[in-house]
Amino acid sequence: MSEVMFNHDGVPLLAFGTKHFVTTTGGPDVKPKVTTQTEVTDDKVTAGGVELAAWGANNDFPKTAYDTIRSVGVLNTGLKFIRNFTLGQGIFPCKVTGYDDKGNEILEVLDDEELVRFCNGRMVRRYLEKSLRDYLKFGVGNVQLIPNEDGSKMVGINAINSMFCRYGIANKGVIEKAVISGKWPDTPGETECEVIDVLDDYDPIADLLRRKVGNQIKSKSVLFAVRDSWSNAEYYSEPIWYSAYTAGWIDIAKNIPAFLKKAYTNQITWKWHVKIPYAFWDKKFPKENYSNDNAARQTAIEAYMDALEENLCGVENADKPIFTFFEINPQSGKAEEQWVIEPIDNKYKDGDKLITSAAANSEILFALMINPNVLGAGMPGGTYASTAGGSNIREAFLVNIANAWLDRQNILDPLECYLEYNGVQDVQLRFRSTILTTLDTGAGTSKTLS
């Protein structure tokens, strides 16, 4: 079945079918108007009586980031991998009693039943998973600390979805308010949002205790912002993967699968480019024969194109000739109204695109500080060549664990603030990690505390 594009006078401009591609030569009488539109956006917005800093040019960075991540498999999987190894097998309470001769901490695991139950409970596990998710995806995690009615004790810790959180403009360098709403990036109405106080980033626990002393915390939750400060952004930190995005690697990794899909669907089936002069249609389908009925004329042209395709394409029509007739201009000696049928030279090589895709995947993983071998993405040769042996994978994973220290401390800060507010003193939180070992140790894995 052919698809034909017509101008407003019914002149066919372009046609394509399952086995042919057709254009017409010459210029149409009416050219389409070209319009441009530039969107002007502000970097501030007001909601809930609070002037806010917009997150991105259109206040929609979390939405665009989410759409980007979910459309690029290696980015989505890489971020989830970082989240999983950072969390390890959960946390446990302990005391640091000293250090060995290698500088490693000597830990005394606490057996306080209530504290252990708190660290292993669903509330903490849910908080860690969700806050680290947003921290890695968007660069910012937003933690809600929930007190009891009289403000004497913290009773809940909750990760607010960062897609629905915007910060107020700083007062003398201090961000004091945040507005929570499921309407973002659209500006919410007064009844569609909640304003929440933000703890001072310099010393959150001191700020929280001051509020407790001043009776400003009764039945009033506060927000603890967890940021990756590497980007130097004061409001919304850029996530770790953003450099790969600005460099264009994420777009390459996203576009190549779409290109391959379209190539396999269309590129292999288009074999011929047929060039038909405008004058042919005036002679073959004179307008006066259709009583100025463009629709009927267009239908007749489409049926003609279908018949042409069916007659010339397919196995049963192999080596069939086509006869066309044209005139020679006596003055210029050039052919007029001549059909031109050219084979399409297919220069497409799928192997080149796959190499580029693998390079993009590697560059994205490098931006995430992940050795591609850990995810089985090592390449056997070329610029990105690497080995994927067991030792290499184990060492790369150990490097990931070592690099996770700061991110782990960042997401533990709200928990330690929670415990200190409730009077739990001199307690450290550490992560348990499963480390791959070699078979000659007599075990496939070992447990470490970090």
Protein backbone atom coordinates (compact mmCIF):
# COMPACT_ATOMS: atom_id res chain seq x y z
CA MET A 1 0.00 0.00 0.00
CA SER A 2 1.46 3.35 -1.04
CA GLU A 3 1.30 6.47 1.08
CA VAL A 4 1.31 9.71 -0.92
CA MET A 5 1.79 13.27 0.34
CA PHE A 6 -0.12 15.93 -1.63
CA ASN A 7 0.00 19.73 -1.54
CA HIS A 8 -3.25 21.71 -1.20
CA ASP A 9 -3.74 21.65 -5.00
CA GLY A 10 -3.65 17.85 -5.07
CA VAL A 11 -0.14 17.61 -6.55
CA PRO A 12 1.74 14.55 -5.26
CA LEU A 13 4.98 15.59 -3.61
CA LEU A 14 6.34 12.35 -2.12
CA ALA A 15 5.28 8.71 -1.96
CA PHE A 16 6.61 5.62 -0.29
CA GLY A 17 5.50 2.01 -0.18
CA THR A 18 6.73 -1.30 1.09
CA LYS A 19 9.28 -1.71 -1.72
CA HIS A 20 9.71 1.69 -3.33
CA PHE A 21 10.26 5.35 -2.58
CA VAL A 22 9.10 8.10 -4.93
CA THR A 23 9.65 11.85 -5.15
CA THR A 24 8.53 14.36 -7.75
CA THR A 25 10.87 16.85 -9.39
CA GLY A 26 10.29 20.56 -9.65
CA GLY A 27 9.03 23.06 -7.11
CA PRO A 28 5.49 23.21 -5.73
CA ASP A 29 3.49 26.35 -6.31
CA VAL A 30 2.92 27.01 -2.60
CA LYS A 31 5.65 26.50 -0.03
CA PRO A 32 4.68 25.70 3.55
CA LYS A 33 5.14 28.44 6.07
CA VAL A 34 7.92 27.90 8.58
CA THR A 35 7.20 29.13 12.08
CA THR A 36 9.41 29.13 15.15
CA GLN A 37 8.51 29.44 18.78
CA THR A 38 10.81 30.27 21.64
CA GLU A 39 9.61 29.33 25.09
CA VAL A 40 10.46 31.87 27.76
CA THR A 41 10.66 30.52 31.29
CA ASP A 42 11.44 32.04 34.67
CA ASP A 43 13.79 30.52 37.22
CA LYS A 44 11.42 31.32 40.09
CA VAL A 45 7.87 30.29 40.88
CA THR A 46 5.51 30.96 43.78
CA ALA A 47 3.36 28.33 45.50
CA GLY A 48 1.88 28.09 48.97
CA GLY A 49 2.94 31.68 49.62
CA VAL A 50 6.61 30.71 49.14
CA GLU A 51 8.86 31.98 46.36
CA LEU A 52 10.62 28.91 45.02
CA ALA A 53 13.68 28.14 42.95
CA ALA A 54 12.64 26.33 39.78
CA TRP A 55 14.23 22.94 39.21
CA GLY A 56 15.44 23.17 35.63
CA ALA A 57 14.51 25.59 32.86
CA ASN A 58 10.84 24.60 32.95
CA ASN A 59 10.79 23.48 36.59
CA ASP A 60 10.57 19.92 35.29
CA PHE A 61 14.06 18.47 35.70
CA PRO A 62 12.89 15.45 37.76
CA LYS A 63 10.30 14.56 35.12
CA THR A 64 12.74 14.83 32.21
CA ALA A 65 15.41 12.98 34.21
CA TYR A 66 12.95 10.19 35.01
CA ASP A 67 11.94 9.88 31.35
CA THR A 68 15.60 9.81 30.28
CA ILE A 69 16.60 7.16 32.82
CA ARG A 70 13.72 4.82 32.02
CA SER A 71 14.45 5.01 28.28
CA VAL A 72 18.15 4.03 28.51
CA GLY A 73 18.66 0.50 29.80
CA VAL A 74 22.31 0.79 30.83
CA LEU A 75 21.65 4.02 32.75
CA ASN A 76 18.62 2.63 34.54
CA THR A 77 20.39 -0.63 35.44
CA GLY A 78 23.60 1.16 36.42
CA LEU A 79 21.79 3.43 38.87
CA LYS A 80 19.93 0.51 40.39
CA PHE A 81 23.21 -1.38 40.71
CA ILE A 82 24.76 1.56 42.61
CA ARG A 83 21.74 1.72 44.91
CA ASN A 84 21.92 -2.00 45.64
CA PHE A 85 25.62 -2.23 46.45
CA THR A 86 25.49 1.00 48.47
CA LEU A 87 22.72 -0.40 50.66
CA GLY A 88 24.44 -3.78 50.87
CA GLN A 89 22.61 -6.07 53.31
CA GLY A 90 21.32 -3.27 55.50
CA ILE A 91 22.62 -1.43 58.55
CA PHE A 92 23.41 -2.32 62.15
CA PRO A 93 24.16 -0.27 65.28
CA CYS A 94 27.63 -0.44 66.80
CA LYS A 95 30.33 1.42 68.69
CA VAL A 96 33.84 2.11 67.39
CA THR A 97 36.14 0.92 70.18
CA GLY A 98 39.43 1.53 68.37
CA TYR A 99 41.46 0.85 65.23
CA ASP A 100 43.77 -1.98 64.24
CA ASP A 101 47.32 -1.58 62.90
CA LYS A 102 45.93 -1.20 59.33
CA GLY A 103 43.62 1.64 60.30
CA ASN A 104 40.46 -0.46 60.17
CA GLU A 105 37.74 0.23 62.70
CA ILE A 106 37.29 -2.17 65.56
CA LEU A 107 33.53 -2.41 65.97
CA GLU A 108 31.49 -3.52 68.92
CA VAL A 109 28.11 -4.65 67.68
CA LEU A 110 25.31 -3.54 70.01
CA ASP A 111 22.65 -6.00 71.12
CA ASP A 112 20.07 -3.39 72.15
CA GLU A 113 16.90 -5.15 71.06
CA GLU A 114 14.87 -1.99 70.38
CA LEU A 115 17.70 -0.34 68.43
CA VAL A 116 18.39 -3.46 66.36
CA ARG A 117 14.69 -3.84 65.59
CA PHE A 118 14.58 -0.19 64.49
CA CYS A 119 17.59 -0.58 62.15
CA ASN A 120 16.20 -3.79 60.61
CA GLY A 121 12.60 -2.60 60.38
CA ARG A 122 10.66 -1.78 57.26
CA MET A 123 10.48 1.96 58.00
CA VAL A 124 14.27 2.31 57.90
CA ARG A 125 14.67 -0.05 54.96
CA ARG A 126 12.01 1.85 53.02
CA TYR A 127 13.64 5.17 53.87
CA LEU A 128 17.11 4.01 52.78
CA GLU A 129 15.86 2.59 49.49
CA LYS A 130 13.74 5.58 48.47
CA SER A 131 16.10 8.34 49.61
CA LEU A 132 19.07 6.74 47.84
CA ARG A 133 16.93 6.24 44.73
CA ASP A 134 16.22 9.97 44.47
CA TYR A 135 19.78 10.88 45.53
CA LEU A 136 21.16 8.89 42.58
CA LYS A 137 18.48 9.71 40.02
CA PHE A 138 18.07 13.43 40.70
CA GLY A 139 21.01 14.40 42.92
CA VAL A 140 18.72 15.23 45.87
CA GLY A 141 16.96 13.14 48.49
CA ASN A 142 14.29 14.70 50.71
CA VAL A 143 13.80 13.17 54.14
CA GLN A 144 10.82 13.93 56.36
CA LEU A 145 11.42 13.61 60.11
CA ILE A 146 8.10 13.11 61.91
CA PRO A 147 7.75 13.93 65.64
CA ASN A 148 5.06 12.86 68.06
CA GLU A 149 2.28 15.22 69.15
CA ASP A 150 4.24 17.06 71.85
CA GLY A 151 7.53 17.07 69.91
CA SER A 152 9.42 15.15 72.58
CA LYS A 153 10.38 12.27 70.32
CA MET A 154 10.80 11.38 66.66
CA VAL A 155 8.45 8.60 65.65
CA GLY A 156 8.81 8.42 61.87
CA ILE A 157 11.28 8.92 59.02
CA ASN A 158 10.00 9.10 55.48
CA ALA A 159 11.57 9.75 52.08
CA ILE A 160 9.46 12.30 50.17
CA ASN A 161 9.47 11.65 46.43
CA SER A 162 11.87 14.31 45.12
CA MET A 163 9.81 14.68 41.94
CA PHE A 164 7.21 16.47 44.08
CA CYS A 165 9.51 18.74 46.10
CA ARG A 166 10.74 22.28 45.35
CA TYR A 167 12.90 24.51 47.59
CA GLY A 168 12.20 28.08 48.60
CA ILE A 169 14.57 30.90 47.73
CA ALA A 170 17.34 31.01 50.35
CA ASN A 171 17.18 33.59 53.13
CA LYS A 172 20.73 34.89 53.68
CA GLY A 173 22.12 31.69 52.23
CA VAL A 174 19.82 29.35 54.17
CA ILE A 175 17.01 27.39 52.50
CA GLU A 176 14.17 27.52 55.01
CA LYS A 177 11.11 26.20 53.17
CA ALA A 178 10.09 23.51 50.72
CA VAL A 179 6.77 23.00 48.97
CA ILE A 180 5.48 19.48 48.41
CA SER A 181 2.91 18.82 45.70
CA GLY A 182 2.01 16.09 43.24
CA LYS A 183 1.21 18.82 40.69
CA TRP A 184 4.82 19.69 39.85
CA PRO A 185 6.04 20.73 37.34
CA ASP A 186 2.68 22.53 37.03
CA THR A 187 2.30 25.22 39.68
CA PRO A 188 -0.10 23.95 42.36
CA GLY A 189 -2.92 25.95 43.89
CA GLU A 190 -3.02 26.96 47.55
CA THR A 191 -4.94 23.82 48.52
CA GLU A 192 -2.83 21.50 46.36
CA CYS A 193 0.48 21.80 48.19
CA GLU A 194 2.09 21.54 51.62
CA VAL A 195 4.79 23.85 52.98
CA ILE A 196 7.41 22.22 55.18
CA ASP A 197 10.38 23.67 57.09
CA VAL A 198 13.86 22.68 55.90
CA LEU A 199 16.64 22.02 58.41
CA ASP A 200 19.78 24.14 58.17
CA ASP A 201 22.23 22.23 55.98
CA TYR A 202 25.23 23.44 58.03
CA ASP A 203 24.20 21.67 61.26
CA PRO A 204 20.81 19.92 60.94
CA ILE A 205 20.83 18.33 64.40
CA ALA A 206 21.61 21.64 66.12
CA ASP A 207 18.80 23.28 64.17
CA LEU A 208 16.44 20.46 65.13
CA LEU A 209 17.34 20.71 68.84
CA ARG A 210 16.84 24.49 68.78
CA ARG A 211 13.37 23.96 67.37
CA LYS A 212 12.70 21.43 70.14
CA VAL A 213 13.76 23.87 72.85
CA GLY A 214 11.69 26.64 71.25
CA ASN A 215 8.55 24.44 71.06
CA GLN A 216 8.56 24.76 67.26
CA ILE A 217 8.46 21.07 66.52
CA LYS A 218 5.18 19.94 68.09
CA SER A 219 3.18 17.89 65.56
CA LYS A 220 5.20 19.55 62.83
CA SER A 221 7.49 17.49 60.63
CA VAL A 222 10.66 18.95 59.12
CA LEU A 223 12.65 18.18 55.98
CA PHE A 224 16.27 17.02 55.93
CA ALA A 225 17.78 17.56 52.45
CA VAL A 226 20.39 15.01 51.36
CA ARG A 227 22.48 16.31 48.47
CA ASP A 228 25.44 15.26 46.38
CA SER A 229 27.50 18.45 46.58
CA TRP A 230 29.85 17.62 43.69
CA SER A 231 27.98 19.85 41.23
CA ASN A 232 28.31 22.95 43.49
CA ALA A 233 24.59 23.62 43.03
CA GLU A 234 23.07 25.02 46.22
CA TYR A 235 19.42 24.19 45.55
CA TYR A 236 19.28 21.09 43.37
CA SER A 237 22.48 19.10 42.95
CA GLU A 238 23.12 17.50 39.57
CA PRO A 239 23.11 13.67 39.65
CA ILE A 240 26.25 11.70 38.92
CA TRP A 241 25.08 10.61 35.45
CA TYR A 242 24.42 14.16 34.22
CA SER A 243 27.92 14.60 32.74
CA ALA A 244 27.28 11.66 30.39
CA TYR A 245 24.03 13.36 29.39
CA THR A 246 25.61 16.75 28.63
CA ALA A 247 28.38 15.01 26.68
CA GLY A 248 25.75 13.35 24.48
CA TRP A 249 26.47 9.72 25.34
CA ILE A 250 23.05 9.09 26.83
CA ASP A 251 21.37 10.43 23.69
CA ILE A 252 23.55 8.12 21.58
CA ALA A 253 22.69 5.11 23.75
CA LYS A 254 19.01 6.05 23.49
CA ASN A 255 18.91 6.78 19.75
CA ILE A 256 20.85 3.79 18.42
CA PRO A 257 18.21 1.19 19.41
CA ALA A 258 15.52 3.39 17.83
CA PHE A 259 17.66 3.72 14.71
CA LEU A 260 18.25 -0.03 14.49
CA LYS A 261 14.55 -0.75 14.97
CA LYS A 262 13.61 1.63 12.16
CA ALA A 263 16.42 0.32 9.97
CA TYR A 264 15.29 -3.27 10.29
CA THR A 265 11.71 -2.19 9.60
CA ASN A 266 12.30 0.17 6.67
CA GLN A 267 15.88 0.33 5.44
CA ILE A 268 16.01 -3.21 4.12
CA THR A 269 12.70 -2.95 2.25
CA TRP A 270 13.28 0.32 0.38
CA LYS A 271 15.10 -0.67 -2.83
CA TRP A 272 14.25 1.95 -5.44
CA HIS A 273 13.96 5.71 -5.74
CA VAL A 274 11.52 6.61 -8.52
CA LYS A 275 11.61 10.23 -9.75
CA ILE A 276 8.46 11.33 -11.57
CA PRO A 277 8.07 14.79 -13.18
CA TYR A 278 5.09 16.91 -12.22
CA ALA A 279 4.00 17.12 -15.86
CA PHE A 280 3.34 13.37 -15.93
CA TRP A 281 0.48 13.67 -13.47
CA ASP A 282 -1.15 16.46 -15.48
CA LYS A 283 -1.19 14.21 -18.53
CA LYS A 284 -2.02 10.94 -16.81
CA PHE A 285 -4.70 12.41 -14.53
CA PRO A 286 -5.89 15.72 -16.06
CA LYS A 287 -7.63 17.88 -13.48
CA GLU A 288 -10.50 18.63 -15.89
CA ASN A 289 -11.44 14.92 -15.86
CA TYR A 290 -12.21 15.08 -12.14
CA SER A 291 -14.47 18.16 -12.06
CA ASN A 292 -12.06 19.89 -9.65
CA ASP A 293 -12.52 16.98 -7.22
CA ASN A 294 -9.04 16.72 -5.69
CA ALA A 295 -10.01 13.82 -3.42
CA ALA A 296 -11.04 11.62 -6.35
CA ARG A 297 -7.86 12.52 -8.26
CA GLN A 298 -5.67 11.75 -5.24
CA THR A 299 -7.37 8.37 -4.82
CA ALA A 300 -6.71 7.57 -8.48
CA ILE A 301 -3.02 8.54 -8.13
CA GLU A 302 -2.62 6.37 -5.03
CA ALA A 303 -4.23 3.42 -6.82
CA TYR A 304 -1.84 3.95 -9.74
CA MET A 305 1.17 3.92 -7.38
CA ASP A 306 -0.07 0.71 -5.76
CA ALA A 307 -0.49 -0.94 -9.16
CA LEU A 308 3.03 0.16 -10.15
CA GLU A 309 4.50 -1.35 -7.01
CA GLU A 310 2.61 -4.62 -7.36
CA ASN A 311 3.65 -4.93 -11.02
CA LEU A 312 7.37 -4.29 -10.52
CA CYS A 313 8.22 -5.52 -7.01
CA GLY A 314 8.32 -9.00 -5.54
CA VAL A 315 9.99 -12.31 -6.40
CA GLU A 316 7.55 -13.12 -9.19
CA ASN A 317 8.42 -9.84 -10.92
CA ALA A 318 12.18 -10.27 -10.83
CA ASP A 319 14.01 -8.99 -13.93
CA LYS A 320 10.80 -7.48 -15.32
CA PRO A 321 11.45 -4.39 -17.49
CA ILE A 322 9.60 -1.10 -17.41
CA PHE A 323 8.99 1.09 -20.46
CA THR A 324 8.73 4.87 -20.25
CA PHE A 325 8.42 7.52 -22.95
CA PHE A 326 9.79 11.05 -23.01
CA GLU A 327 10.53 13.94 -25.32
CA ILE A 328 13.81 15.60 -26.26
CA ASN A 329 13.77 19.38 -26.14
CA PRO A 330 15.00 20.47 -29.61
CA GLN A 331 16.60 23.62 -28.23
CA SER A 332 18.42 22.25 -25.19
CA GLY A 333 18.74 18.64 -26.28
CA LYS A 334 17.64 17.53 -22.78
CA ALA A 335 15.02 14.96 -21.94
CA GLU A 336 11.71 16.28 -20.65
CA GLU A 337 9.13 14.55 -18.51
CA GLN A 338 11.44 11.58 -18.06
CA TRP A 339 11.03 9.02 -15.30
CA VAL A 340 14.21 8.17 -13.41
CA ILE A 341 14.42 4.91 -11.45
CA GLU A 342 17.52 4.55 -9.26
CA PRO A 343 18.50 1.73 -6.92
CA ILE A 344 19.08 2.93 -3.35
CA ASP A 345 22.67 2.33 -2.30
CA ASN A 346 22.42 0.86 1.18
CA LYS A 347 25.55 1.94 3.04
CA TYR A 348 24.13 0.87 6.38
CA LYS A 349 26.37 -1.42 8.41
CA ASP A 350 24.74 -2.60 11.62
CA GLY A 351 28.08 -3.60 13.13
CA ASP A 352 29.25 0.03 13.21
CA LYS A 353 26.18 1.09 15.14
CA LEU A 354 26.60 -1.74 17.65
CA ILE A 355 30.20 -0.70 18.32
CA THR A 356 29.06 2.88 18.89
CA SER A 357 26.28 1.66 21.17
CA ALA A 358 28.78 -0.36 23.22
CA ALA A 359 31.04 2.69 23.48
CA ALA A 360 28.11 4.81 24.69
CA ASN A 361 27.20 2.18 27.27
CA SER A 362 30.79 2.15 28.53
CA GLU A 363 30.95 5.95 28.74
CA ILE A 364 27.72 6.02 30.75
CA LEU A 365 29.07 3.41 33.16
CA PHE A 366 32.33 5.36 33.45
CA ALA A 367 30.32 8.45 34.42
CA LEU A 368 28.65 6.33 37.10
CA MET A 369 32.12 5.11 38.21
CA ILE A 370 31.15 1.52 37.40
CA ASN A 371 33.61 -0.84 35.75
CA PRO A 372 31.65 -2.26 32.78
CA ASN A 373 32.99 -5.74 33.57
CA VAL A 374 30.93 -5.85 36.74
CA LEU A 375 27.76 -5.76 34.65
CA GLY A 376 29.15 -8.08 31.98
CA ALA A 377 29.71 -5.20 29.56
CA GLY A 378 33.43 -5.77 28.95
CA MET A 379 34.45 -5.60 25.28
CA PRO A 380 36.90 -8.14 23.84
CA GLY A 381 38.81 -5.67 21.63
CA GLY A 382 39.21 -2.09 20.48
CA THR A 383 39.34 1.17 22.39
CA TYR A 384 37.15 -0.09 25.22
CA ALA A 385 38.78 -3.52 25.46
CA SER A 386 38.94 -5.07 28.89
CA THR A 387 38.97 -8.43 30.56
CA ALA A 388 36.02 -9.82 32.45
CA GLY A 389 37.71 -12.43 34.62
CA GLY A 390 36.48 -13.20 38.09
CA SER A 391 39.37 -11.38 39.81
CA ASN A 392 38.78 -8.27 37.74
CA ILE A 393 35.08 -8.27 38.61
CA ARG A 394 35.75 -8.81 42.31
CA GLU A 395 38.31 -6.00 42.44
CA ALA A 396 35.98 -3.64 40.58
CA PHE A 397 33.19 -4.45 43.01
CA LEU A 398 35.50 -3.79 45.98
CA VAL A 399 36.37 -0.41 44.48
CA ASN A 400 32.64 0.35 44.22
CA ILE A 401 32.17 -0.55 47.90
CA ALA A 402 35.10 1.67 48.92
CA ASN A 403 33.75 4.60 46.88
CA ALA A 404 30.30 4.20 48.44
CA TRP A 405 31.47 5.46 51.85
CA LEU A 406 30.47 9.10 51.36
CA ASP A 407 27.09 8.31 49.81
CA ARG A 408 26.40 5.91 52.67
CA GLN A 409 27.23 8.57 55.24
CA ASN A 410 25.02 11.11 53.49
CA ILE A 411 21.93 8.91 53.68
CA LEU A 412 22.77 7.85 57.25
CA ASP A 413 22.90 11.45 58.47
CA PRO A 414 19.09 11.81 58.82
CA LEU A 415 18.94 8.49 60.71
CA GLU A 416 21.68 9.54 63.12
CA CYS A 417 19.89 12.87 63.55
CA TYR A 418 16.68 10.92 64.30
CA LEU A 419 18.43 8.78 66.93
CA GLU A 420 20.26 11.67 68.57
CA TYR A 421 17.02 13.63 68.89
CA ASN A 422 15.57 10.62 70.70
CA GLY A 423 18.50 10.53 73.14
CA VAL A 424 20.51 7.69 71.59
CA GLN A 425 24.14 8.71 72.14
CA ASP A 426 27.52 7.34 71.05
CA VAL A 427 26.05 4.93 68.50
CA GLN A 428 27.40 4.50 64.99
CA LEU A 429 25.53 2.98 62.05
CA ARG A 430 27.42 0.75 59.63
CA PHE A 431 26.53 -1.29 56.56
CA ARG A 432 26.89 -5.02 56.02
CA SER A 433 28.18 -6.04 52.58
CA THR A 434 28.55 -9.39 50.86
CA ILE A 435 31.97 -9.65 49.18
CA LEU A 436 32.75 -12.16 46.43
CA THR A 437 35.73 -14.41 47.18
CA THR A 438 37.72 -17.01 45.27
CA LEU A 439 37.03 -20.71 45.55
CA ASP A 440 40.35 -21.40 47.28
CA THR A 441 39.05 -19.61 50.38
CA GLY A 442 36.50 -22.34 50.84
CA ALA A 443 33.49 -20.05 50.35
CA GLY A 444 31.88 -18.16 47.51
CA THR A 445 31.12 -15.07 49.57
CA SER A 446 32.15 -13.44 52.81
CA LYS A 447 30.49 -10.85 55.02
CA THR A 448 32.18 -7.54 55.79
CA LEU A 449 31.13 -4.63 57.95
CA SER A 450 31.59 -1.14 56.60
